[in-house]
Amino acid sequence: MGSRKEMRFGEQVALWVMPVFGFLMRGRWSKYRPVKAEDVAKKMRRLSEKGESGVHYILFHQS
């Protein structure tokens, strides 16, 4: 998470909870599993190299 001026309590809790319990997120909840920023950046780069225009929604299990 990036630094912010304001504190977001829910995000702070998620930063501690998700790495520990993220593996429990299965089925319809799998889209809420934590994803590393590095993985997001790699996927964004691969998609940008395809040259497709428009808005794209990529779910974790699709990457």
Protein backbone atom coordinates (compact mmCIF):
# COMPACT_ATOMS: atom_id res chain seq x y z
CA MET A 1 0.00 0.00 0.00
CA GLY A 2 1.18 3.48 -0.74
CA SER A 3 1.56 6.15 1.90
CA ARG A 4 -1.40 8.41 2.57
CA LYS A 5 -2.06 11.43 4.71
CA GLU A 6 -5.16 9.91 6.26
CA MET A 7 -5.34 6.60 8.11
CA ARG A 8 -7.73 4.00 6.73
CA PHE A 9 -8.48 1.57 9.53
CA GLY A 10 -9.95 -1.15 7.29
CA GLU A 11 -6.89 -1.13 5.04
CA GLN A 12 -4.57 -1.37 8.04
CA VAL A 13 -6.49 -4.39 9.34
CA ALA A 14 -6.45 -6.01 5.88
CA LEU A 15 -2.69 -5.55 5.60
CA TRP A 16 -2.26 -7.78 8.65
CA VAL A 17 -5.13 -10.22 8.12
CA MET A 18 -5.02 -11.01 4.39
CA PRO A 19 -1.51 -12.46 4.20
CA VAL A 20 -2.43 -14.88 6.97
CA PHE A 21 -5.97 -15.82 5.89
CA GLY A 22 -5.86 -15.09 2.14
CA PHE A 23 -5.51 -18.78 1.30
CA LEU A 24 -9.02 -19.32 2.72
CA MET A 25 -10.50 -17.12 0.01
CA ARG A 26 -11.87 -19.73 -2.38
CA GLY A 27 -14.77 -19.98 -4.78
CA ARG A 28 -16.71 -16.76 -5.21
CA TRP A 29 -14.43 -15.08 -2.65
CA SER A 30 -11.23 -15.77 -4.60
CA LYS A 31 -11.44 -12.41 -6.35
CA TYR A 32 -10.71 -10.76 -2.99
CA ARG A 33 -7.44 -12.61 -2.38
CA PRO A 34 -4.37 -10.41 -2.00
CA VAL A 35 -2.26 -9.84 -5.12
CA LYS A 36 1.31 -8.59 -5.13
CA ALA A 37 1.84 -5.21 -6.78
CA GLU A 38 4.68 -6.74 -8.79
CA ASP A 39 2.26 -9.30 -10.28
CA VAL A 40 -0.22 -6.56 -11.16
CA ALA A 41 2.52 -4.53 -12.86
CA LYS A 42 3.70 -7.54 -14.88
CA LYS A 43 0.15 -8.28 -16.05
CA MET A 44 -0.44 -4.63 -16.97
CA ARG A 45 2.75 -4.60 -19.02
CA ARG A 46 1.82 -7.81 -20.87
CA LEU A 47 -1.62 -6.44 -21.66
CA SER A 48 -0.24 -3.09 -22.85
CA GLU A 49 2.09 -4.89 -25.25
CA LYS A 50 -0.92 -6.49 -26.94
CA GLY A 51 -2.05 -3.02 -28.04
CA GLU A 52 -5.75 -3.61 -27.41
CA SER A 53 -7.72 -0.48 -26.65
CA GLY A 54 -10.55 -0.10 -24.17
CA VAL A 55 -11.12 -0.93 -20.52
CA HIS A 56 -10.18 -4.41 -19.32
CA TYR A 57 -11.05 -6.11 -16.04
CA ILE A 58 -8.69 -8.90 -15.11
CA LEU A 59 -9.50 -11.15 -12.19
CA PHE A 60 -6.74 -12.90 -10.26
CA HIS A 61 -7.65 -16.37 -11.48
CA GLN A 62 -7.43 -15.15 -15.10
CA SER A 63 -3.80 -14.10 -14.89
